[in-house]
Amino acid sequence: MTNVLQVHDLHFSYHDGLDALRGVSFQMCAGDKVALVGPNGAGKSTLMLHLNGILSGHGDVLVGGSRLTRANLPAIRARVGLVFQSPDDQLFSPTVFEDVAFGPLHMGL
């Protein structure tokens, strides 16, 4: 099967020195079903924020075989979506239509 997501030796520390990710490595293939579970503060959200470049740590993240870099960030973000737990953290327009239209409008579509 084809790897759609690979993470290798990912490390990340917050500004206060808290190690949030220490050597995280895994791969996912097309068709895999995955649940990311753990207690509060375990690093689940921090890991997810690395998959589309919102946060950047030390290590490798590959999406569809392409290494996540500043140069290909727009292409990666076109393939990797993220939905936050709290709607207040992601919705910024007064209507659902405006929120859904925001991305395509700002991509010139």
PDB file of N, CA and C in Angstrom:
ATOM      1  N   MET A   1       0.837  -1.196   0.000  1.00  0.00           N
ATOM      2  CA  MET A   1       0.000   0.000   0.000  1.00  0.00           C
ATOM      3  C   MET A   1       0.875   1.251   0.000  1.00  0.00           C
ATOM      4  N   THR A   2       0.310   2.333  -0.460  1.00  0.00           N
ATOM      5  CA  THR A   2       1.024   3.599  -0.550  1.00  0.00           C
ATOM      6  C   THR A   2       0.913   4.379   0.755  1.00  0.00           C
ATOM      7  N   ASN A   3       2.045   4.869   1.231  1.00  0.00           N
ATOM      8  CA  ASN A   3       2.025   5.732   2.413  1.00  0.00           C
ATOM      9  C   ASN A   3       1.420   7.076   2.046  1.00  0.00           C
ATOM     10  N   VAL A   4       0.414   7.492   2.784  1.00  0.00           N
ATOM     11  CA  VAL A   4      -0.163   8.816   2.564  1.00  0.00           C
ATOM     12  C   VAL A   4       0.357   9.815   3.588  1.00  0.00           C
ATOM     13  N   LEU A   5       0.855   9.290   4.704  1.00  0.00           N
ATOM     14  CA  LEU A   5       1.387  10.159   5.754  1.00  0.00           C
ATOM     15  C   LEU A   5       2.516   9.432   6.465  1.00  0.00           C
ATOM     16  N   GLN A   6       3.641  10.122   6.607  1.00  0.00           N
ATOM     17  CA  GLN A   6       4.767   9.582   7.355  1.00  0.00           C
ATOM     18  C   GLN A   6       5.286  10.659   8.297  1.00  0.00           C
ATOM     19  N   VAL A   7       5.533  10.281   9.519  1.00  0.00           N
ATOM     20  CA  VAL A   7       6.149  11.164  10.507  1.00  0.00           C
ATOM     21  C   VAL A   7       7.345  10.403  11.054  1.00  0.00           C
ATOM     22  N   HIS A   8       8.501  11.051  11.052  1.00  0.00           N
ATOM     23  CA  HIS A   8       9.713  10.379  11.515  1.00  0.00           C
ATOM     24  C   HIS A   8      10.468  11.240  12.522  1.00  0.00           C
ATOM     25  N   ASP A   9      10.618  10.721  13.726  1.00  0.00           N
ATOM     26  CA  ASP A   9      11.428  11.328  14.784  1.00  0.00           C
ATOM     27  C   ASP A   9      11.062  12.794  15.030  1.00  0.00           C
ATOM     28  N   LEU A  10       9.771  13.064  15.173  1.00  0.00           N
ATOM     29  CA  LEU A  10       9.279  14.428  15.363  1.00  0.00           C
ATOM     30  C   LEU A  10       9.408  14.842  16.828  1.00  0.00           C
ATOM     31  N   HIS A  11      10.033  15.986  17.034  1.00  0.00           N
ATOM     32  CA  HIS A  11      10.218  16.573  18.367  1.00  0.00           C
ATOM     33  C   HIS A  11       9.671  17.993  18.347  1.00  0.00           C
ATOM     34  N   PHE A  12       9.052  18.406  19.451  1.00  0.00           N
ATOM     35  CA  PHE A  12       8.569  19.779  19.562  1.00  0.00           C
ATOM     36  C   PHE A  12       8.506  20.169  21.026  1.00  0.00           C
ATOM     37  N   SER A  13       9.006  21.358  21.330  1.00  0.00           N
ATOM     38  CA  SER A  13       8.923  21.925  22.677  1.00  0.00           C
ATOM     39  C   SER A  13       8.270  23.290  22.589  1.00  0.00           C
ATOM     40  N   TYR A  14       7.393  23.578  23.533  1.00  0.00           N
ATOM     41  CA  TYR A  14       6.782  24.902  23.595  1.00  0.00           C
ATOM     42  C   TYR A  14       7.777  25.895  24.193  1.00  0.00           C
ATOM     43  N   HIS A  15       7.470  27.188  24.083  1.00  0.00           N
ATOM     44  CA  HIS A  15       8.375  28.247  24.540  1.00  0.00           C
ATOM     45  C   HIS A  15       8.723  28.145  26.022  1.00  0.00           C
ATOM     46  N   ASP A  16       7.823  27.563  26.797  1.00  0.00           N
ATOM     47  CA  ASP A  16       8.102  27.423  28.233  1.00  0.00           C
ATOM     48  C   ASP A  16       9.009  26.229  28.540  1.00  0.00           C
ATOM     49  N   GLY A  17       9.468  25.543  27.482  1.00  0.00           N
ATOM     50  CA  GLY A  17      10.374  24.412  27.654  1.00  0.00           C
ATOM     51  C   GLY A  17       9.691  23.065  27.760  1.00  0.00           C
ATOM     52  N   LEU A  18       8.355  23.049  27.777  1.00  0.00           N
ATOM     53  CA  LEU A  18       7.613  21.799  27.870  1.00  0.00           C
ATOM     54  C   LEU A  18       7.815  20.974  26.600  1.00  0.00           C
ATOM     55  N   ASP A  19       8.339  19.756  26.749  1.00  0.00           N
ATOM     56  CA  ASP A  19       8.461  18.842  25.613  1.00  0.00           C
ATOM     57  C   ASP A  19       7.086  18.254  25.325  1.00  0.00           C
ATOM     58  N   ALA A  20       6.528  18.600  24.181  1.00  0.00           N
ATOM     59  CA  ALA A  20       5.205  18.106  23.823  1.00  0.00           C
ATOM     60  C   ALA A  20       5.295  16.849  22.961  1.00  0.00           C
ATOM     61  N   LEU A  21       6.305  16.775  22.106  1.00  0.00           N
ATOM     62  CA  LEU A  21       6.522  15.603  21.255  1.00  0.00           C
ATOM     63  C   LEU A  21       7.977  15.188  21.383  1.00  0.00           C
ATOM     64  N   ARG A  22       8.207  13.907  21.591  1.00  0.00           N
ATOM     65  CA  ARG A  22       9.575  13.397  21.737  1.00  0.00           C
ATOM     66  C   ARG A  22       9.743  12.155  20.873  1.00  0.00           C
ATOM     67  N   GLY A  23      10.302  12.335  19.688  1.00  0.00           N
ATOM     68  CA  GLY A  23      10.623  11.191  18.837  1.00  0.00           C
ATOM     69  C   GLY A  23       9.428  10.456  18.273  1.00  0.00           C
ATOM     70  N   VAL A  24       8.371  11.163  17.913  1.00  0.00           N
ATOM     71  CA  VAL A  24       7.161  10.538  17.374  1.00  0.00           C
ATOM     72  C   VAL A  24       7.431  10.072  15.945  1.00  0.00           C
ATOM     73  N   SER A  25       7.137   8.808  15.682  1.00  0.00           N
ATOM     74  CA  SER A  25       7.294   8.238  14.343  1.00  0.00           C
ATOM     75  C   SER A  25       6.116   7.317  14.059  1.00  0.00           C
ATOM     76  N   PHE A  26       5.547   7.419  12.860  1.00  0.00           N
ATOM     77  CA  PHE A  26       4.496   6.507  12.418  1.00  0.00           C
ATOM     78  C   PHE A  26       4.268   6.720  10.935  1.00  0.00           C
ATOM     79  N   GLN A  27       3.532   5.806  10.340  1.00  0.00           N
ATOM     80  CA  GLN A  27       3.120   5.979   8.948  1.00  0.00           C
ATOM     81  C   GLN A  27       1.691   5.492   8.794  1.00  0.00           C
ATOM     82  N   MET A  28       1.005   6.086   7.843  1.00  0.00           N
ATOM     83  CA  MET A  28      -0.365   5.696   7.528  1.00  0.00           C
ATOM     84  C   MET A  28      -0.436   5.427   6.039  1.00  0.00           C
ATOM     85  N   CYS A  29      -1.166   4.380   5.686  1.00  0.00           N
ATOM     86  CA  CYS A  29      -1.356   4.023   4.288  1.00  0.00           C
ATOM     87  C   CYS A  29      -2.791   4.335   3.881  1.00  0.00           C
ATOM     88  N   ALA A  30      -3.005   4.439   2.587  1.00  0.00           N
ATOM     89  CA  ALA A  30      -4.350   4.675   2.068  1.00  0.00           C
ATOM     90  C   ALA A  30      -5.282   3.601   2.623  1.00  0.00           C
ATOM     91  N   GLY A  31      -6.419   4.013   3.128  1.00  0.00           N
ATOM     92  CA  GLY A  31      -7.409   3.094   3.668  1.00  0.00           C
ATOM     93  C   GLY A  31      -7.273   2.802   5.149  1.00  0.00           C
ATOM     94  N   ASP A  32      -6.170   3.213   5.764  1.00  0.00           N
ATOM     95  CA  ASP A  32      -6.001   3.004   7.206  1.00  0.00           C
ATOM     96  C   ASP A  32      -7.054   3.790   7.982  1.00  0.00           C
ATOM     97  N   LYS A  33      -7.500   3.201   9.062  1.00  0.00           N
ATOM     98  CA  LYS A  33      -8.394   3.892   9.996  1.00  0.00           C
ATOM     99  C   LYS A  33      -7.625   4.032  11.301  1.00  0.00           C
ATOM    100  N   VAL A  34      -7.528   5.259  11.792  1.00  0.00           N
ATOM    101  CA  VAL A  34      -6.684   5.539  12.947  1.00  0.00           C
ATOM    102  C   VAL A  34      -7.457   6.367  13.957  1.00  0.00           C
ATOM    103  N   ALA A  35      -7.280   6.052  15.229  1.00  0.00           N
ATOM    104  CA  ALA A  35      -7.816   6.877  16.310  1.00  0.00           C
ATOM    105  C   ALA A  35      -6.629   7.386  17.116  1.00  0.00           C
ATOM    106  N   LEU A  36      -6.589   8.668  17.333  1.00  0.00           N
ATOM    107  CA  LEU A  36      -5.536   9.278  18.144  1.00  0.00           C
ATOM    108  C   LEU A  36      -6.153   9.592  19.503  1.00  0.00           C
ATOM    109  N   VAL A  37      -5.767   8.845  20.509  1.00  0.00           N
ATOM    110  CA  VAL A  37      -6.371   8.989  21.834  1.00  0.00           C
ATOM    111  C   VAL A  37      -5.290   9.186  22.888  1.00  0.00           C
ATOM    112  N   GLY A  38      -5.660   9.833  23.972  1.00  0.00           N
ATOM    113  CA  GLY A  38      -4.738  10.042  25.080  1.00  0.00           C
ATOM    114  C   GLY A  38      -5.305  11.076  26.019  1.00  0.00           C
ATOM    115  N   PRO A  39      -4.711  11.193  27.189  1.00  0.00           N
ATOM    116  CA  PRO A  39      -5.200  12.164  28.172  1.00  0.00           C
ATOM    117  C   PRO A  39      -4.889  13.596  27.755  1.00  0.00           C
ATOM    118  N   ASN A  40      -5.531  14.542  28.433  1.00  0.00           N
ATOM    119  CA  ASN A  40      -5.224  15.958  28.199  1.00  0.00           C
ATOM    120  C   ASN A  40      -3.731  16.183  28.381  1.00  0.00           C
ATOM    121  N   GLY A  41      -3.161  16.981  27.475  1.00  0.00           N
ATOM    122  CA  GLY A  41      -1.750  17.320  27.582  1.00  0.00           C
ATOM    123  C   GLY A  41      -0.803  16.276  27.031  1.00  0.00           C
ATOM    124  N   ALA A  42      -1.329  15.236  26.391  1.00  0.00           N
ATOM    125  CA  ALA A  42      -0.469  14.168  25.877  1.00  0.00           C
ATOM    126  C   ALA A  42       0.219  14.533  24.567  1.00  0.00           C
ATOM    127  N   GLY A  43      -0.263  15.582  23.880  1.00  0.00           N
ATOM    128  CA  GLY A  43       0.360  16.003  22.628  1.00  0.00           C
ATOM    129  C   GLY A  43      -0.447  15.713  21.378  1.00  0.00           C
ATOM    130  N   LYS A  44      -1.696  15.272  21.534  1.00  0.00           N
ATOM    131  CA  LYS A  44      -2.527  14.944  20.373  1.00  0.00           C
ATOM    132  C   LYS A  44      -2.730  16.151  19.467  1.00  0.00           C
ATOM    133  N   SER A  45      -3.161  17.256  20.027  1.00  0.00           N
ATOM    134  CA  SER A  45      -3.392  18.470  19.229  1.00  0.00           C
ATOM    135  C   SER A  45      -2.086  19.011  18.671  1.00  0.00           C
ATOM    136  N   THR A  46      -1.032  18.952  19.454  1.00  0.00           N
ATOM    137  CA  THR A  46       0.274  19.421  18.987  1.00  0.00           C
ATOM    138  C   THR A  46       0.706  18.620  17.766  1.00  0.00           C
ATOM    139  N   LEU A  47       0.525  17.313  17.805  1.00  0.00           N
ATOM    140  CA  LEU A  47       0.859  16.476  16.652  1.00  0.00           C
ATOM    141  C   LEU A  47       0.024  16.872  15.440  1.00  0.00           C
ATOM    142  N   MET A  48      -1.277  17.028  15.630  1.00  0.00           N
ATOM    143  CA  MET A  48      -2.151  17.386  14.510  1.00  0.00           C
ATOM    144  C   MET A  48      -1.754  18.729  13.894  1.00  0.00           C
ATOM    145  N   LEU A  49      -1.331  19.667  14.719  1.00  0.00           N
ATOM    146  CA  LEU A  49      -0.934  20.982  14.212  1.00  0.00           C
ATOM    147  C   LEU A  49       0.356  20.922  13.398  1.00  0.00           C
ATOM    148  N   HIS A  50       1.102  19.834  13.512  1.00  0.00           N
ATOM    149  CA  HIS A  50       2.303  19.648  12.695  1.00  0.00           C
ATOM    150  C   HIS A  50       1.973  19.086  11.312  1.00  0.00           C
ATOM    151  N   LEU A  51       0.855  18.397  11.173  1.00  0.00           N
ATOM    152  CA  LEU A  51       0.560  17.694   9.930  1.00  0.00           C
ATOM    153  C   LEU A  51       0.222  18.613   8.771  1.00  0.00           C
ATOM    154  N   ASN A  52      -0.165  19.847   9.060  1.00  0.00           N
ATOM    155  CA  ASN A  52      -0.363  20.805   7.969  1.00  0.00           C
ATOM    156  C   ASN A  52       0.441  22.080   8.192  1.00  0.00           C
ATOM    157  N   GLY A  53       1.469  21.991   9.010  1.00  0.00           N
ATOM    158  CA  GLY A  53       2.439  23.073   9.122  1.00  0.00           C
ATOM    159  C   GLY A  53       2.052  24.244   9.990  1.00  0.00           C
ATOM    160  N   ILE A  54       1.008  24.120  10.791  1.00  0.00           N
ATOM    161  CA  ILE A  54       0.676  25.219  11.703  1.00  0.00           C
ATOM    162  C   ILE A  54       1.782  25.357  12.742  1.00  0.00           C
ATOM    163  N   LEU A  55       2.291  24.230  13.222  1.00  0.00           N
ATOM    164  CA  LEU A  55       3.480  24.208  14.075  1.00  0.00           C
ATOM    165  C   LEU A  55       4.586  23.481  13.322  1.00  0.00           C
ATOM    166  N   SER A  56       5.826  23.821  13.619  1.00  0.00           N
ATOM    167  CA  SER A  56       6.935  23.085  13.006  1.00  0.00           C
ATOM    168  C   SER A  56       7.942  22.719  14.084  1.00  0.00           C
ATOM    169  N   GLY A  57       8.273  21.458  14.124  1.00  0.00           N
ATOM    170  CA  GLY A  57       9.238  20.958  15.082  1.00  0.00           C
ATOM    171  C   GLY A  57      10.459  20.434  14.356  1.00  0.00           C
ATOM    172  N   HIS A  58      11.183  19.569  15.027  1.00  0.00           N
ATOM    173  CA  HIS A  58      12.351  18.931  14.431  1.00  0.00           C
ATOM    174  C   HIS A  58      11.969  17.503  14.086  1.00  0.00           C
ATOM    175  N   GLY A  59      12.249  17.105  12.864  1.00  0.00           N
ATOM    176  CA  GLY A  59      11.888  15.785  12.378  1.00  0.00           C
ATOM    177  C   GLY A  59      11.264  15.938  11.012  1.00  0.00           C
ATOM    178  N   ASP A  60      10.761  14.847  10.484  1.00  0.00           N
ATOM    179  CA  ASP A  60      10.207  14.856   9.129  1.00  0.00           C
ATOM    180  C   ASP A  60       8.724  14.530   9.136  1.00  0.00           C
ATOM    181  N   VAL A  61       7.970  15.300   8.343  1.00  0.00           N
ATOM    182  CA  VAL A  61       6.568  15.023   8.071  1.00  0.00           C
ATOM    183  C   VAL A  61       6.438  14.964   6.557  1.00  0.00           C
ATOM    184  N   LEU A  62       5.936  13.844   6.032  1.00  0.00           N
ATOM    185  CA  LEU A  62       5.723  13.685   4.602  1.00  0.00           C
ATOM    186  C   LEU A  62       4.249  13.408   4.361  1.00  0.00           C
ATOM    187  N   VAL A  63       3.661  14.136   3.432  1.00  0.00           N
ATOM    188  CA  VAL A  63       2.261  13.962   3.062  1.00  0.00           C
ATOM    189  C   VAL A  63       2.233  13.572   1.596  1.00  0.00           C
ATOM    190  N   GLY A  64       1.711  12.384   1.300  1.00  0.00           N
ATOM    191  CA  GLY A  64       1.685  11.913  -0.075  1.00  0.00           C
ATOM    192  C   GLY A  64       3.071  11.830  -0.688  1.00  0.00           C
ATOM    193  N   GLY A  65       4.066  11.561   0.126  1.00  0.00           N
ATOM    194  CA  GLY A  65       5.441  11.452  -0.351  1.00  0.00           C
ATOM    195  C   GLY A  65       6.198  12.760  -0.421  1.00  0.00           C
ATOM    196  N   SER A  66       5.522  13.880  -0.189  1.00  0.00           N
ATOM    197  CA  SER A  66       6.173  15.197  -0.234  1.00  0.00           C
ATOM    198  C   SER A  66       6.518  15.653   1.174  1.00  0.00           C
ATOM    199  N   ARG A  67       7.777  16.018   1.370  1.00  0.00           N
ATOM    200  CA  ARG A  67       8.228  16.510   2.671  1.00  0.00           C
ATOM    201  C   ARG A  67       7.599  17.871   2.937  1.00  0.00           C
ATOM    202  N   LEU A  68       7.090  18.051   4.135  1.00  0.00           N
ATOM    203  CA  LEU A  68       6.492  19.320   4.539  1.00  0.00           C
ATOM    204  C   LEU A  68       7.599  20.359   4.695  1.00  0.00           C
ATOM    205  N   THR A  69       7.590  21.352   3.814  1.00  0.00           N
ATOM    206  CA  THR A  69       8.559  22.449   3.850  1.00  0.00           C
ATOM    207  C   THR A  69       7.803  23.752   3.658  1.00  0.00           C
ATOM    208  N   ARG A  70       8.475  24.847   3.931  1.00  0.00           N
ATOM    209  CA  ARG A  70       7.852  26.156   3.723  1.00  0.00           C
ATOM    210  C   ARG A  70       7.452  26.336   2.251  1.00  0.00           C
ATOM    211  N   ALA A  71       8.276  25.827   1.344  1.00  0.00           N
ATOM    212  CA  ALA A  71       8.026  25.999  -0.091  1.00  0.00           C
ATOM    213  C   ALA A  71       6.763  25.280  -0.558  1.00  0.00           C
ATOM    214  N   ASN A  72       6.491  24.081  -0.010  1.00  0.00           N
ATOM    215  CA  ASN A  72       5.309  23.353  -0.483  1.00  0.00           C
ATOM    216  C   ASN A  72       4.147  23.386   0.507  1.00  0.00           C
ATOM    217  N   LEU A  73       4.215  24.273   1.469  1.00  0.00           N
ATOM    218  CA  LEU A  73       3.164  24.380   2.476  1.00  0.00           C
ATOM    219  C   LEU A  73       1.771  24.603   1.874  1.00  0.00           C
ATOM    220  N   PRO A  74       1.605  25.493   0.891  1.00  0.00           N
ATOM    221  CA  PRO A  74       0.262  25.649   0.313  1.00  0.00           C
ATOM    222  C   PRO A  74      -0.274  24.360  -0.318  1.00  0.00           C
ATOM    223  N   ALA A  75       0.577  23.601  -0.983  1.00  0.00           N
ATOM    224  CA  ALA A  75       0.137  22.343  -1.598  1.00  0.00           C
ATOM    225  C   ALA A  75      -0.237  21.315  -0.533  1.00  0.00           C
ATOM    226  N   ILE A  76       0.533  21.263   0.544  1.00  0.00           N
ATOM    227  CA  ILE A  76       0.225  20.330   1.638  1.00  0.00           C
ATOM    228  C   ILE A  76      -1.084  20.726   2.306  1.00  0.00           C
ATOM    229  N   ARG A  77      -1.262  22.009   2.567  1.00  0.00           N
ATOM    230  CA  ARG A  77      -2.494  22.458   3.229  1.00  0.00           C
ATOM    231  C   ARG A  77      -3.725  22.246   2.362  1.00  0.00           C
ATOM    232  N   ALA A  78      -3.542  22.169   1.056  1.00  0.00           N
ATOM    233  CA  ALA A  78      -4.667  21.862   0.174  1.00  0.00           C
ATOM    234  C   ALA A  78      -5.100  20.405   0.331  1.00  0.00           C
ATOM    235  N   ARG A  79      -4.220  19.563   0.882  1.00  0.00           N
ATOM    236  CA  ARG A  79      -4.515  18.141   1.037  1.00  0.00           C
ATOM    237  C   ARG A  79      -4.833  17.737   2.476  1.00  0.00           C
ATOM    238  N   VAL A  80      -4.397  18.531   3.446  1.00  0.00           N
ATOM    239  CA  VAL A  80      -4.558  18.174   4.861  1.00  0.00           C
ATOM    240  C   VAL A  80      -5.440  19.209   5.538  1.00  0.00           C
ATOM    241  N   GLY A  81      -6.594  18.785   6.001  1.00  0.00           N
ATOM    242  CA  GLY A  81      -7.495  19.682   6.708  1.00  0.00           C
ATOM    243  C   GLY A  81      -7.416  19.444   8.204  1.00  0.00           C
ATOM    244  N   LEU A  82      -7.885  20.401   8.949  1.00  0.00           N
ATOM    245  CA  LEU A  82      -7.870  20.302  10.404  1.00  0.00           C
ATOM    246  C   LEU A  82      -9.136  20.955  10.938  1.00  0.00           C
ATOM    247  N   VAL A  83      -9.840  20.237  11.793  1.00  0.00           N
ATOM    248  CA  VAL A  83     -11.035  20.768  12.438  1.00  0.00           C
ATOM    249  C   VAL A  83     -10.753  20.806  13.934  1.00  0.00           C
ATOM    250  N   PHE A  84     -10.873  21.976  14.522  1.00  0.00           N
ATOM    251  CA  PHE A  84     -10.608  22.123  15.943  1.00  0.00           C
ATOM    252  C   PHE A  84     -11.786  21.623  16.769  1.00  0.00           C
ATOM    253  N   GLN A  85     -11.518  21.250  18.008  1.00  0.00           N
ATOM    254  CA  GLN A  85     -12.548  20.737  18.902  1.00  0.00           C
ATOM    255  C   GLN A  85     -13.598  21.794  19.200  1.00  0.00           C
ATOM    256  N   SER A  86     -13.171  23.019  19.409  1.00  0.00           N
ATOM    257  CA  SER A  86     -14.089  24.104  19.740  1.00  0.00           C
ATOM    258  C   SER A  86     -14.359  24.952  18.502  1.00  0.00           C
ATOM    259  N   PRO A  87     -15.622  25.101  18.101  1.00  0.00           N
ATOM    260  CA  PRO A  87     -15.933  25.930  16.938  1.00  0.00           C
ATOM    261  C   PRO A  87     -15.426  27.361  17.073  1.00  0.00           C
ATOM    262  N   ASP A  88     -15.339  27.871  18.293  1.00  0.00           N
ATOM    263  CA  ASP A  88     -14.849  29.239  18.481  1.00  0.00           C
ATOM    264  C   ASP A  88     -13.393  29.386  18.064  1.00  0.00           C
ATOM    265  N   ASP A  89     -12.659  28.273  18.016  1.00  0.00           N
ATOM    266  CA  ASP A  89     -11.253  28.316  17.615  1.00  0.00           C
ATOM    267  C   ASP A  89     -11.066  28.300  16.107  1.00  0.00           C
ATOM    268  N   GLN A  90     -12.120  28.016  15.341  1.00  0.00           N
ATOM    269  CA  GLN A  90     -11.940  27.891  13.906  1.00  0.00           C
ATOM    270  C   GLN A  90     -12.887  28.756  13.091  1.00  0.00           C
ATOM    271  N   LEU A  91     -14.061  29.010  13.567  1.00  0.00           N
ATOM    272  CA  LEU A  91     -15.016  29.791  12.789  1.00  0.00           C
ATOM    273  C   LEU A  91     -14.821  31.270  13.076  1.00  0.00           C
ATOM    274  N   PHE A  92     -14.759  32.056  12.035  1.00  0.00           N
ATOM    275  CA  PHE A  92     -14.487  33.478  12.222  1.00  0.00           C
ATOM    276  C   PHE A  92     -15.422  34.359  11.420  1.00  0.00           C
ATOM    277  N   SER A  93     -16.356  33.759  10.702  1.00  0.00           N
ATOM    278  CA  SER A  93     -17.331  34.530   9.935  1.00  0.00           C
ATOM    279  C   SER A  93     -18.707  34.341  10.564  1.00  0.00           C
ATOM    280  N   PRO A  94     -19.615  35.270  10.299  1.00  0.00           N
ATOM    281  CA  PRO A  94     -20.932  35.172  10.933  1.00  0.00           C
ATOM    282  C   PRO A  94     -21.815  34.053  10.382  1.00  0.00           C
ATOM    283  N   THR A  95     -21.493  33.515   9.188  1.00  0.00           N
ATOM    284  CA  THR A  95     -22.320  32.449   8.627  1.00  0.00           C
ATOM    285  C   THR A  95     -21.446  31.274   8.197  1.00  0.00           C
ATOM    286  N   VAL A  96     -22.050  30.083   8.134  1.00  0.00           N
ATOM    287  CA  VAL A  96     -21.337  28.890   7.675  1.00  0.00           C
ATOM    288  C   VAL A  96     -20.884  29.087   6.232  1.00  0.00           C
ATOM    289  N   PHE A  97     -21.733  29.677   5.395  1.00  0.00           N
ATOM    290  CA  PHE A  97     -21.376  29.909   3.990  1.00  0.00           C
ATOM    291  C   PHE A  97     -20.087  30.713   3.879  1.00  0.00           C
ATOM    292  N   GLU A  98     -19.979  31.789   4.643  1.00  0.00           N
ATOM    293  CA  GLU A  98     -18.780  32.629   4.575  1.00  0.00           C
ATOM    294  C   GLU A  98     -17.541  31.881   5.073  1.00  0.00           C
ATOM    295  N   ASP A  99     -17.707  31.052   6.090  1.00  0.00           N
ATOM    296  CA  ASP A  99     -16.571  30.256   6.566  1.00  0.00           C
ATOM    297  C   ASP A  99     -16.123  29.259   5.503  1.00  0.00           C
ATOM    298  N   VAL A 100     -17.081  28.564   4.894  1.00  0.00           N
ATOM    299  CA  VAL A 100     -16.746  27.577   3.867  1.00  0.00           C
ATOM    300  C   VAL A 100     -16.153  28.252   2.640  1.00  0.00           C
ATOM    301  N   ALA A 101     -16.632  29.429   2.292  1.00  0.00           N
ATOM    302  CA  ALA A 101     -16.149  30.139   1.102  1.00  0.00           C
ATOM    303  C   ALA A 101     -14.804  30.813   1.317  1.00  0.00           C
ATOM    304  N   PHE A 102     -14.375  31.001   2.551  1.00  0.00           N
ATOM    305  CA  PHE A 102     -13.151  31.748   2.840  1.00  0.00           C
ATOM    306  C   PHE A 102     -11.934  31.173   2.115  1.00  0.00           C
ATOM    307  N   GLY A 103     -11.708  29.876   2.253  1.00  0.00           N
ATOM    308  CA  GLY A 103     -10.532  29.250   1.636  1.00  0.00           C
ATOM    309  C   GLY A 103     -10.507  29.406   0.130  1.00  0.00           C
ATOM    310  N   PRO A 104     -11.556  28.947  -0.575  1.00  0.00           N
ATOM    311  CA  PRO A 104     -11.550  29.077  -2.034  1.00  0.00           C
ATOM    312  C   PRO A 104     -11.433  30.524  -2.517  1.00  0.00           C
ATOM    313  N   LEU A 105     -12.080  31.448  -1.829  1.00  0.00           N
ATOM    314  CA  LEU A 105     -11.984  32.851  -2.243  1.00  0.00           C
ATOM    315  C   LEU A 105     -10.559  33.370  -2.123  1.00  0.00           C
ATOM    316  N   HIS A 106      -9.863  32.983  -1.072  1.00  0.00           N
ATOM    317  CA  HIS A 106      -8.494  33.457  -0.867  1.00  0.00           C
ATOM    318  C   HIS A 106      -7.467  32.665  -1.663  1.00  0.00           C
ATOM    319  N   MET A 107      -7.916  31.592  -2.319  1.00  0.00           N
ATOM    320  CA  MET A 107      -7.040  30.848  -3.224  1.00  0.00           C
ATOM    321  C   MET A 107      -7.307  31.245  -4.669  1.00  0.00           C
ATOM    322  N   GLY A 108      -8.168  32.231  -4.858  1.00  0.00           N
ATOM    323  CA  GLY A 108      -8.472  32.717  -6.196  1.00  0.00           C
ATOM    324  C   GLY A 108      -9.417  31.822  -6.976  1.00  0.00           C
ATOM    325  N   LEU A 109     -10.179  30.983  -6.282  1.00  0.00           N
ATOM    326  CA  LEU A 109     -11.106  30.071  -6.972  1.00  0.00           C
ATOM    327  C   LEU A 109     -12.482  30.671  -7.093  1.00  0.00           C
TER     328      LEU A 109
END
